Amino acid sequence: MSDEAPQDAPTTPALAALAATNLTYEVVRTRRASSVDEAASLRGIPASALLKTLVVRRGENDYVFVLVPGDRVLDWPRLRAHLGVRRVSLPDATEAQAVTGYERGAITPFGAIRSLPVVADASISAEGDVSLGGGDHGVSVRVDASALLEELGAAIADVARPV
């Protein structure tokens, strides 16, 4: 008998939240990566299919999740324009964890302690699978992009640019 958890066992709030959805997904466990390229390689996907989940402050006690493919970076002016605000910022690591329940590098919209709106970059292909964090370092999920964006009720907007 193995002492490792089965691949689909809810071991993080994100995995427990995913289990409560109708999404079909695969849990992927790897060692902790030190870069987007390394994470994509460990997951066996191109960087464009790896979704970074950023928590962004758009006002006092007002946050949104932003999904950005690994081969792109947030375009701050575009995000501000989409959100209709003059200023947005990234909270520091302590504030991000207080808002989401997750450490930086493991933030995901699933199972976060606060339900936040989700903005997904328009470059995310609605065809095929993407990978996003599973709520802990080295834990990710592979899921159909279209189903993911629908489940999250994500607003699709052009908010990122190529690296």
N, C-alpha and C. Protein backbone atom coordinates (compact mmCIF):
# COMPACT_ATOMS: atom_id res chain seq x y z
N MET A 1 0.85 -1.18 0.00
CA MET A 1 0.00 0.00 0.00
C MET A 1 0.89 1.24 0.00
N SER A 2 0.56 2.19 -0.81
CA SER A 2 1.33 3.41 -0.94
C SER A 2 0.82 4.45 0.04
N ASP A 3 1.77 5.28 0.59
CA ASP A 3 1.30 6.37 1.42
C ASP A 3 1.10 7.65 0.62
N GLU A 4 1.23 7.60 -0.68
CA GLU A 4 0.95 8.76 -1.51
C GLU A 4 -0.55 8.85 -1.75
N ALA A 5 -1.05 10.08 -1.78
CA ALA A 5 -2.48 10.28 -2.06
C ALA A 5 -2.76 9.93 -3.51
N PRO A 6 -3.91 9.35 -3.80
CA PRO A 6 -4.28 9.14 -5.20
C PRO A 6 -4.26 10.47 -5.93
N GLN A 7 -4.01 10.42 -7.24
CA GLN A 7 -3.88 11.64 -8.03
C GLN A 7 -5.11 12.54 -7.95
N ASP A 8 -6.28 11.98 -7.73
CA ASP A 8 -7.48 12.82 -7.70
C ASP A 8 -7.99 13.09 -6.28
N ALA A 9 -7.20 12.73 -5.26
CA ALA A 9 -7.63 12.96 -3.88
C ALA A 9 -7.62 14.45 -3.57
N PRO A 10 -8.70 14.99 -2.96
CA PRO A 10 -8.70 16.40 -2.60
C PRO A 10 -7.71 16.67 -1.46
N THR A 11 -6.54 17.19 -1.79
CA THR A 11 -5.52 17.45 -0.79
C THR A 11 -5.27 18.95 -0.60
N THR A 12 -5.96 19.77 -1.35
CA THR A 12 -5.90 21.22 -1.19
C THR A 12 -7.33 21.74 -1.30
N PRO A 13 -7.57 22.94 -0.80
CA PRO A 13 -8.91 23.52 -1.00
C PRO A 13 -9.28 23.61 -2.48
N ALA A 14 -8.28 23.86 -3.34
CA ALA A 14 -8.55 23.96 -4.78
C ALA A 14 -9.04 22.63 -5.33
N LEU A 15 -8.39 21.54 -4.95
CA LEU A 15 -8.79 20.23 -5.46
C LEU A 15 -10.14 19.82 -4.90
N ALA A 16 -10.41 20.17 -3.66
CA ALA A 16 -11.74 19.89 -3.09
C ALA A 16 -12.81 20.68 -3.83
N ALA A 17 -12.52 21.95 -4.14
CA ALA A 17 -13.48 22.79 -4.88
C ALA A 17 -13.69 22.25 -6.29
N LEU A 18 -12.62 21.83 -6.94
CA LEU A 18 -12.75 21.26 -8.28
C LEU A 18 -13.58 19.99 -8.27
N ALA A 19 -13.40 19.17 -7.25
CA ALA A 19 -14.15 17.92 -7.14
C ALA A 19 -15.65 18.18 -7.05
N ALA A 20 -16.03 19.36 -6.56
CA ALA A 20 -17.44 19.70 -6.42
C ALA A 20 -18.04 20.28 -7.70
N THR A 21 -17.22 20.43 -8.75
CA THR A 21 -17.72 20.94 -10.03
C THR A 21 -18.01 19.77 -10.97
N ASN A 22 -18.54 20.10 -12.13
CA ASN A 22 -18.74 19.09 -13.17
C ASN A 22 -17.57 19.03 -14.14
N LEU A 23 -16.48 19.74 -13.83
CA LEU A 23 -15.32 19.75 -14.72
C LEU A 23 -14.62 18.40 -14.71
N THR A 24 -14.13 18.01 -15.87
CA THR A 24 -13.26 16.86 -15.98
C THR A 24 -11.85 17.41 -15.97
N TYR A 25 -11.02 16.91 -15.07
CA TYR A 25 -9.66 17.44 -14.93
C TYR A 25 -8.72 16.32 -14.50
N GLU A 26 -7.45 16.58 -14.68
CA GLU A 26 -6.41 15.65 -14.25
C GLU A 26 -5.49 16.38 -13.30
N VAL A 27 -5.22 15.80 -12.15
CA VAL A 27 -4.27 16.37 -11.20
C VAL A 27 -2.87 15.94 -11.62
N VAL A 28 -1.96 16.90 -11.68
CA VAL A 28 -0.57 16.63 -12.02
C VAL A 28 0.29 17.10 -10.86
N ARG A 29 1.12 16.20 -10.35
CA ARG A 29 2.02 16.55 -9.25
C ARG A 29 3.46 16.46 -9.74
N THR A 30 4.21 17.50 -9.48
CA THR A 30 5.62 17.56 -9.87
C THR A 30 6.40 18.17 -8.71
N ARG A 31 7.69 18.26 -8.89
CA ARG A 31 8.47 19.01 -7.90
C ARG A 31 8.19 20.49 -8.10
N ARG A 32 8.52 21.29 -7.14
CA ARG A 32 8.30 22.74 -7.22
C ARG A 32 9.20 23.32 -8.31
N ALA A 33 8.62 24.09 -9.20
CA ALA A 33 9.37 24.70 -10.30
C ALA A 33 9.86 26.08 -9.90
N SER A 34 10.95 26.51 -10.54
CA SER A 34 11.50 27.83 -10.22
C SER A 34 11.21 28.85 -11.32
N SER A 35 10.53 28.44 -12.39
CA SER A 35 10.19 29.36 -13.47
C SER A 35 8.99 28.83 -14.23
N VAL A 36 8.40 29.69 -15.04
CA VAL A 36 7.27 29.28 -15.87
C VAL A 36 7.72 28.20 -16.85
N ASP A 37 8.87 28.42 -17.48
CA ASP A 37 9.35 27.43 -18.46
C ASP A 37 9.59 26.08 -17.81
N GLU A 38 10.17 26.08 -16.61
CA GLU A 38 10.40 24.82 -15.91
C GLU A 38 9.08 24.16 -15.54
N ALA A 39 8.13 24.94 -15.06
CA ALA A 39 6.81 24.39 -14.70
C ALA A 39 6.14 23.77 -15.92
N ALA A 40 6.18 24.46 -17.05
CA ALA A 40 5.57 23.93 -18.27
C ALA A 40 6.26 22.63 -18.68
N SER A 41 7.57 22.61 -18.62
CA SER A 41 8.32 21.40 -18.98
C SER A 41 7.95 20.24 -18.06
N LEU A 42 7.90 20.49 -16.76
CA LEU A 42 7.54 19.44 -15.81
C LEU A 42 6.13 18.91 -16.06
N ARG A 43 5.24 19.77 -16.51
CA ARG A 43 3.85 19.38 -16.77
C ARG A 43 3.67 18.81 -18.18
N GLY A 44 4.72 18.91 -19.01
CA GLY A 44 4.66 18.36 -20.36
C GLY A 44 3.78 19.15 -21.31
N ILE A 45 3.75 20.47 -21.13
CA ILE A 45 2.91 21.34 -21.95
C ILE A 45 3.73 22.54 -22.43
N PRO A 46 3.27 23.21 -23.48
CA PRO A 46 3.94 24.47 -23.85
C PRO A 46 3.60 25.56 -22.84
N ALA A 47 4.47 26.56 -22.71
CA ALA A 47 4.23 27.66 -21.77
C ALA A 47 2.90 28.37 -22.06
N SER A 48 2.49 28.38 -23.33
CA SER A 48 1.23 29.05 -23.69
C SER A 48 0.00 28.35 -23.09
N ALA A 49 0.14 27.09 -22.69
CA ALA A 49 -0.98 26.33 -22.10
C ALA A 49 -0.93 26.34 -20.57
N LEU A 50 0.09 26.96 -20.02
CA LEU A 50 0.20 27.08 -18.56
C LEU A 50 -0.40 28.42 -18.17
N LEU A 51 -1.42 28.41 -17.34
CA LEU A 51 -2.08 29.65 -16.94
C LEU A 51 -1.58 30.09 -15.57
N LYS A 52 -1.04 31.29 -15.53
CA LYS A 52 -0.67 31.91 -14.26
C LYS A 52 -1.92 32.59 -13.71
N THR A 53 -2.18 32.41 -12.43
CA THR A 53 -3.30 33.09 -11.78
C THR A 53 -2.73 34.20 -10.92
N LEU A 54 -3.05 35.42 -11.29
CA LEU A 54 -2.60 36.59 -10.53
C LEU A 54 -3.79 37.15 -9.77
N VAL A 55 -3.54 37.61 -8.56
CA VAL A 55 -4.56 38.35 -7.83
C VAL A 55 -4.14 39.81 -7.93
N VAL A 56 -5.08 40.64 -8.38
CA VAL A 56 -4.80 42.05 -8.64
C VAL A 56 -5.75 42.90 -7.81
N ARG A 57 -5.19 43.93 -7.17
CA ARG A 57 -6.00 44.87 -6.39
C ARG A 57 -6.47 45.99 -7.32
N ARG A 58 -7.79 46.19 -7.38
CA ARG A 58 -8.29 47.30 -8.21
C ARG A 58 -8.85 48.43 -7.36
N GLY A 59 -8.88 48.23 -6.07
CA GLY A 59 -9.34 49.26 -5.14
C GLY A 59 -9.18 48.73 -3.73
N GLU A 60 -9.53 49.56 -2.76
CA GLU A 60 -9.42 49.13 -1.37
C GLU A 60 -10.33 47.94 -1.12
N ASN A 61 -9.73 46.83 -0.70
CA ASN A 61 -10.45 45.59 -0.41
C ASN A 61 -11.24 45.09 -1.62
N ASP A 62 -10.73 45.35 -2.82
CA ASP A 62 -11.40 44.98 -4.08
C ASP A 62 -10.37 44.33 -4.99
N TYR A 63 -10.55 43.04 -5.26
CA TYR A 63 -9.56 42.26 -5.99
C TYR A 63 -10.21 41.48 -7.12
N VAL A 64 -9.40 41.09 -8.09
CA VAL A 64 -9.83 40.20 -9.16
C VAL A 64 -8.72 39.19 -9.42
N PHE A 65 -9.10 38.03 -9.93
CA PHE A 65 -8.13 37.07 -10.44
C PHE A 65 -7.94 37.37 -11.92
N VAL A 66 -6.71 37.27 -12.39
CA VAL A 66 -6.42 37.44 -13.80
C VAL A 66 -5.64 36.21 -14.26
N LEU A 67 -6.14 35.54 -15.30
CA LEU A 67 -5.47 34.37 -15.87
C LEU A 67 -4.66 34.82 -17.07
N VAL A 68 -3.37 34.52 -17.04
CA VAL A 68 -2.45 34.94 -18.09
C VAL A 68 -1.63 33.72 -18.52
N PRO A 69 -1.58 33.43 -19.83
CA PRO A 69 -0.74 32.32 -20.29
C PRO A 69 0.73 32.54 -19.93
N GLY A 70 1.44 31.45 -19.73
CA GLY A 70 2.83 31.51 -19.29
C GLY A 70 3.77 32.20 -20.25
N ASP A 71 3.41 32.29 -21.52
CA ASP A 71 4.28 32.96 -22.48
C ASP A 71 3.92 34.43 -22.67
N ARG A 72 3.09 34.96 -21.76
CA ARG A 72 2.67 36.35 -21.85
C ARG A 72 2.82 37.01 -20.48
N VAL A 73 2.78 38.34 -20.47
CA VAL A 73 2.83 39.11 -19.23
C VAL A 73 1.63 40.05 -19.21
N LEU A 74 1.25 40.42 -18.02
CA LEU A 74 0.13 41.33 -17.84
C LEU A 74 0.44 42.68 -18.49
N ASP A 75 -0.51 43.21 -19.21
CA ASP A 75 -0.40 44.54 -19.81
C ASP A 75 -1.25 45.46 -18.94
N TRP A 76 -0.58 46.20 -18.06
CA TRP A 76 -1.27 47.00 -17.05
C TRP A 76 -2.24 48.02 -17.64
N PRO A 77 -1.85 48.78 -18.68
CA PRO A 77 -2.82 49.74 -19.24
C PRO A 77 -4.08 49.05 -19.79
N ARG A 78 -3.91 47.91 -20.45
CA ARG A 78 -5.07 47.19 -20.97
C ARG A 78 -5.96 46.68 -19.85
N LEU A 79 -5.33 46.17 -18.78
CA LEU A 79 -6.13 45.68 -17.65
C LEU A 79 -6.90 46.83 -17.00
N ARG A 80 -6.23 47.95 -16.78
CA ARG A 80 -6.92 49.12 -16.21
C ARG A 80 -8.10 49.54 -17.08
N ALA A 81 -7.88 49.58 -18.39
CA ALA A 81 -8.95 49.96 -19.31
C ALA A 81 -10.11 48.97 -19.23
N HIS A 82 -9.80 47.69 -19.20
CA HIS A 82 -10.86 46.68 -19.12
C HIS A 82 -11.66 46.82 -17.83
N LEU A 83 -10.95 47.05 -16.71
CA LEU A 83 -11.63 47.15 -15.42
C LEU A 83 -12.26 48.51 -15.19
N GLY A 84 -11.91 49.48 -16.03
CA GLY A 84 -12.49 50.82 -15.88
C GLY A 84 -11.97 51.55 -14.66
N VAL A 85 -10.72 51.31 -14.31
CA VAL A 85 -10.11 51.98 -13.16
C VAL A 85 -8.82 52.68 -13.60
N ARG A 86 -8.37 53.61 -12.79
CA ARG A 86 -7.15 54.35 -13.11
C ARG A 86 -5.91 53.69 -12.55
N ARG A 87 -6.10 52.84 -11.55
CA ARG A 87 -4.94 52.24 -10.90
C ARG A 87 -5.26 50.80 -10.51
N VAL A 88 -4.32 49.90 -10.76
CA VAL A 88 -4.37 48.53 -10.27
C VAL A 88 -2.96 48.19 -9.79
N SER A 89 -2.87 47.21 -8.90
CA SER A 89 -1.56 46.81 -8.40
C SER A 89 -1.60 45.37 -7.92
N LEU A 90 -0.42 44.81 -7.78
CA LEU A 90 -0.29 43.48 -7.21
C LEU A 90 -0.12 43.62 -5.71
N PRO A 91 -0.91 42.93 -4.91
CA PRO A 91 -0.68 42.97 -3.47
C PRO A 91 0.62 42.24 -3.14
N ASP A 92 1.22 42.56 -2.01
CA ASP A 92 2.42 41.83 -1.62
C ASP A 92 2.02 40.39 -1.26
N ALA A 93 3.01 39.55 -1.02
CA ALA A 93 2.76 38.12 -0.80
C ALA A 93 1.84 37.87 0.40
N THR A 94 2.01 38.64 1.47
CA THR A 94 1.18 38.46 2.66
C THR A 94 -0.27 38.81 2.38
N GLU A 95 -0.49 39.93 1.69
CA GLU A 95 -1.85 40.35 1.36
C GLU A 95 -2.50 39.38 0.38
N ALA A 96 -1.74 38.92 -0.62
CA ALA A 96 -2.27 37.97 -1.60
C ALA A 96 -2.73 36.69 -0.90
N GLN A 97 -1.94 36.22 0.07
CA GLN A 97 -2.33 35.01 0.78
C GLN A 97 -3.55 35.27 1.67
N ALA A 98 -3.63 36.45 2.28
CA ALA A 98 -4.79 36.78 3.12
C ALA A 98 -6.07 36.83 2.29
N VAL A 99 -5.96 37.27 1.04
CA VAL A 99 -7.13 37.40 0.17
C VAL A 99 -7.55 36.06 -0.43
N THR A 100 -6.56 35.22 -0.79
CA THR A 100 -6.85 33.98 -1.52
C THR A 100 -6.76 32.72 -0.68
N GLY A 101 -5.93 32.74 0.36
CA GLY A 101 -5.66 31.53 1.13
C GLY A 101 -4.49 30.75 0.57
N TYR A 102 -3.89 31.24 -0.51
CA TYR A 102 -2.79 30.54 -1.17
C TYR A 102 -1.53 31.38 -1.19
N GLU A 103 -0.39 30.68 -1.15
CA GLU A 103 0.90 31.34 -1.30
C GLU A 103 1.08 31.75 -2.76
N ARG A 104 1.85 32.81 -2.97
CA ARG A 104 2.21 33.18 -4.34
C ARG A 104 2.86 31.98 -5.01
N GLY A 105 2.53 31.80 -6.28
CA GLY A 105 3.04 30.64 -7.01
C GLY A 105 2.10 29.45 -6.93
N ALA A 106 1.10 29.53 -6.05
CA ALA A 106 0.13 28.45 -5.91
C ALA A 106 -1.30 29.00 -5.95
N ILE A 107 -1.45 30.27 -6.28
CA ILE A 107 -2.77 30.92 -6.30
C ILE A 107 -3.60 30.37 -7.45
N THR A 108 -4.86 30.10 -7.16
CA THR A 108 -5.82 29.60 -8.13
C THR A 108 -7.21 30.10 -7.75
N PRO A 109 -8.09 30.29 -8.71
CA PRO A 109 -9.44 30.73 -8.35
C PRO A 109 -10.24 29.67 -7.59
N PHE A 110 -9.88 28.41 -7.75
CA PHE A 110 -10.65 27.33 -7.11
C PHE A 110 -10.29 27.20 -5.64
N GLY A 111 -11.30 27.23 -4.80
CA GLY A 111 -11.09 27.02 -3.38
C GLY A 111 -10.50 28.21 -2.64
N ALA A 112 -10.43 29.36 -3.29
CA ALA A 112 -9.91 30.55 -2.62
C ALA A 112 -10.84 30.94 -1.49
N ILE A 113 -10.31 31.60 -0.49
CA ILE A 113 -11.14 31.95 0.67
C ILE A 113 -12.12 33.06 0.35
N ARG A 114 -11.87 33.79 -0.73
CA ARG A 114 -12.81 34.80 -1.20
C ARG A 114 -13.15 34.50 -2.65
N SER A 115 -14.41 34.60 -2.99
CA SER A 115 -14.83 34.45 -4.38
C SER A 115 -14.59 35.78 -5.07
N LEU A 116 -13.75 35.76 -6.11
CA LEU A 116 -13.39 36.97 -6.82
C LEU A 116 -13.75 36.83 -8.29
N PRO A 117 -14.06 37.95 -8.95
CA PRO A 117 -14.28 37.89 -10.40
C PRO A 117 -12.99 37.41 -11.09
N VAL A 118 -13.16 36.80 -12.25
CA VAL A 118 -12.02 36.29 -13.01
C VAL A 118 -11.98 36.96 -14.37
N VAL A 119 -10.81 37.46 -14.73
CA VAL A 119 -10.56 38.01 -16.06
C VAL A 119 -9.55 37.07 -16.71
N ALA A 120 -9.85 36.60 -17.90
CA ALA A 120 -8.95 35.70 -18.63
C ALA A 120 -8.45 36.40 -19.88
N ASP A 121 -7.16 36.34 -20.11
CA ASP A 121 -6.60 36.97 -21.31
C ASP A 121 -7.20 36.33 -22.55
N ALA A 122 -7.49 37.16 -23.54
CA ALA A 122 -8.12 36.71 -24.78
C ALA A 122 -7.26 35.74 -25.57
N SER A 123 -5.96 35.68 -25.28
CA SER A 123 -5.09 34.76 -26.02
C SER A 123 -5.23 33.32 -25.56
N ILE A 124 -5.94 33.09 -24.46
CA ILE A 124 -6.13 31.72 -23.99
C ILE A 124 -7.01 31.00 -25.00
N SER A 125 -6.46 29.97 -25.57
CA SER A 125 -7.18 29.22 -26.60
C SER A 125 -8.34 28.47 -25.97
N ALA A 126 -9.50 28.62 -26.56
CA ALA A 126 -10.67 27.88 -26.08
C ALA A 126 -10.63 26.43 -26.55
N GLU A 127 -9.64 26.11 -27.36
CA GLU A 127 -9.47 24.74 -27.86
C GLU A 127 -8.39 24.04 -27.07
N GLY A 128 -8.66 22.86 -26.60
CA GLY A 128 -7.63 22.06 -25.95
C GLY A 128 -7.50 22.31 -24.46
N ASP A 129 -6.53 21.64 -23.89
CA ASP A 129 -6.31 21.69 -22.44
C ASP A 129 -5.35 22.79 -22.04
N VAL A 130 -5.55 23.27 -20.82
CA VAL A 130 -4.63 24.20 -20.18
C VAL A 130 -4.32 23.64 -18.80
N SER A 131 -3.30 24.18 -18.17
CA SER A 131 -2.91 23.77 -16.84
C SER A 131 -2.88 24.99 -15.94
N LEU A 132 -3.44 24.85 -14.75
CA LEU A 132 -3.35 25.92 -13.77
C LEU A 132 -3.11 25.33 -12.41
N GLY A 133 -2.75 26.20 -11.48
CA GLY A 133 -2.38 25.75 -10.15
C GLY A 133 -3.48 24.98 -9.45
N GLY A 134 -3.04 24.06 -8.61
CA GLY A 134 -3.95 23.24 -7.83
C GLY A 134 -3.96 23.58 -6.36
N GLY A 135 -3.42 24.76 -6.01
CA GLY A 135 -3.51 25.21 -4.64
C GLY A 135 -2.30 24.96 -3.77
N ASP A 136 -1.25 24.35 -4.33
CA ASP A 136 -0.01 24.13 -3.58
C ASP A 136 1.11 24.04 -4.60
N HIS A 137 2.32 24.31 -4.16
CA HIS A 137 3.46 24.23 -5.05
C HIS A 137 3.62 22.78 -5.52
N GLY A 138 3.80 22.60 -6.82
CA GLY A 138 3.96 21.26 -7.37
C GLY A 138 2.65 20.54 -7.65
N VAL A 139 1.52 21.20 -7.42
CA VAL A 139 0.21 20.60 -7.69
C VAL A 139 -0.48 21.46 -8.74
N SER A 140 -0.88 20.83 -9.83
CA SER A 140 -1.59 21.56 -10.88
C SER A 140 -2.70 20.68 -11.42
N VAL A 141 -3.57 21.29 -12.19
CA VAL A 141 -4.64 20.54 -12.84
C VAL A 141 -4.64 20.85 -14.32
N ARG A 142 -4.91 19.84 -15.10
CA ARG A 142 -5.07 19.98 -16.55
C ARG A 142 -6.56 19.86 -16.83
N VAL A 143 -7.09 20.83 -17.58
CA VAL A 143 -8.52 20.91 -17.80
C VAL A 143 -8.78 21.53 -19.17
N ASP A 144 -9.93 21.22 -19.75
CA ASP A 144 -10.32 21.82 -21.01
C ASP A 144 -10.50 23.32 -20.82
N ALA A 145 -9.84 24.12 -21.67
CA ALA A 145 -9.85 25.58 -21.52
C ALA A 145 -11.25 26.16 -21.59
N SER A 146 -12.03 25.74 -22.54
CA SER A 146 -13.38 26.28 -22.71
C SER A 146 -14.24 25.99 -21.49
N ALA A 147 -14.19 24.76 -21.00
CA ALA A 147 -14.97 24.38 -19.83
C ALA A 147 -14.50 25.15 -18.59
N LEU A 148 -13.19 25.34 -18.47
CA LEU A 148 -12.65 26.09 -17.34
C LEU A 148 -13.17 27.52 -17.34
N LEU A 149 -13.05 28.20 -18.48
CA LEU A 149 -13.48 29.60 -18.55
C LEU A 149 -14.98 29.74 -18.29
N GLU A 150 -15.76 28.78 -18.76
CA GLU A 150 -17.20 28.80 -18.49
C GLU A 150 -17.49 28.58 -17.01
N GLU A 151 -16.83 27.60 -16.41
CA GLU A 151 -17.04 27.31 -14.99
C GLU A 151 -16.70 28.52 -14.11
N LEU A 152 -15.64 29.23 -14.48
CA LEU A 152 -15.21 30.39 -13.70
C LEU A 152 -16.03 31.64 -14.00
N GLY A 153 -16.85 31.59 -15.07
CA GLY A 153 -17.58 32.79 -15.47
C GLY A 153 -16.62 33.91 -15.84
N ALA A 154 -15.51 33.55 -16.44
CA ALA A 154 -14.44 34.50 -16.73
C ALA A 154 -14.84 35.52 -17.79
N ALA A 155 -14.48 36.76 -17.54
CA ALA A 155 -14.59 37.81 -18.55
C ALA A 155 -13.36 37.68 -19.43
N ILE A 156 -13.56 37.60 -20.72
CA ILE A 156 -12.45 37.45 -21.66
C ILE A 156 -12.06 38.83 -22.17
N ALA A 157 -10.78 39.18 -22.03
CA ALA A 157 -10.32 40.51 -22.45
C ALA A 157 -8.85 40.44 -22.84
N ASP A 158 -8.46 41.34 -23.70
CA ASP A 158 -7.07 41.43 -24.14
C ASP A 158 -6.28 42.20 -23.07
N VAL A 159 -5.72 41.46 -22.09
CA VAL A 159 -5.04 42.10 -20.95
C VAL A 159 -3.59 41.68 -20.79
N ALA A 160 -3.04 40.96 -21.78
CA ALA A 160 -1.65 40.51 -21.68
C ALA A 160 -0.97 40.72 -23.02
N ARG A 161 0.36 40.69 -22.99
CA ARG A 161 1.15 40.82 -24.21
C ARG A 161 2.26 39.79 -24.19
N PRO A 162 2.81 39.46 -25.36
CA PRO A 162 3.90 38.48 -25.40
C PRO A 162 5.09 38.94 -24.55
N VAL A 163 5.79 37.98 -24.00
CA VAL A 163 6.97 38.28 -23.18
C VAL A 163 8.02 38.95 -24.02
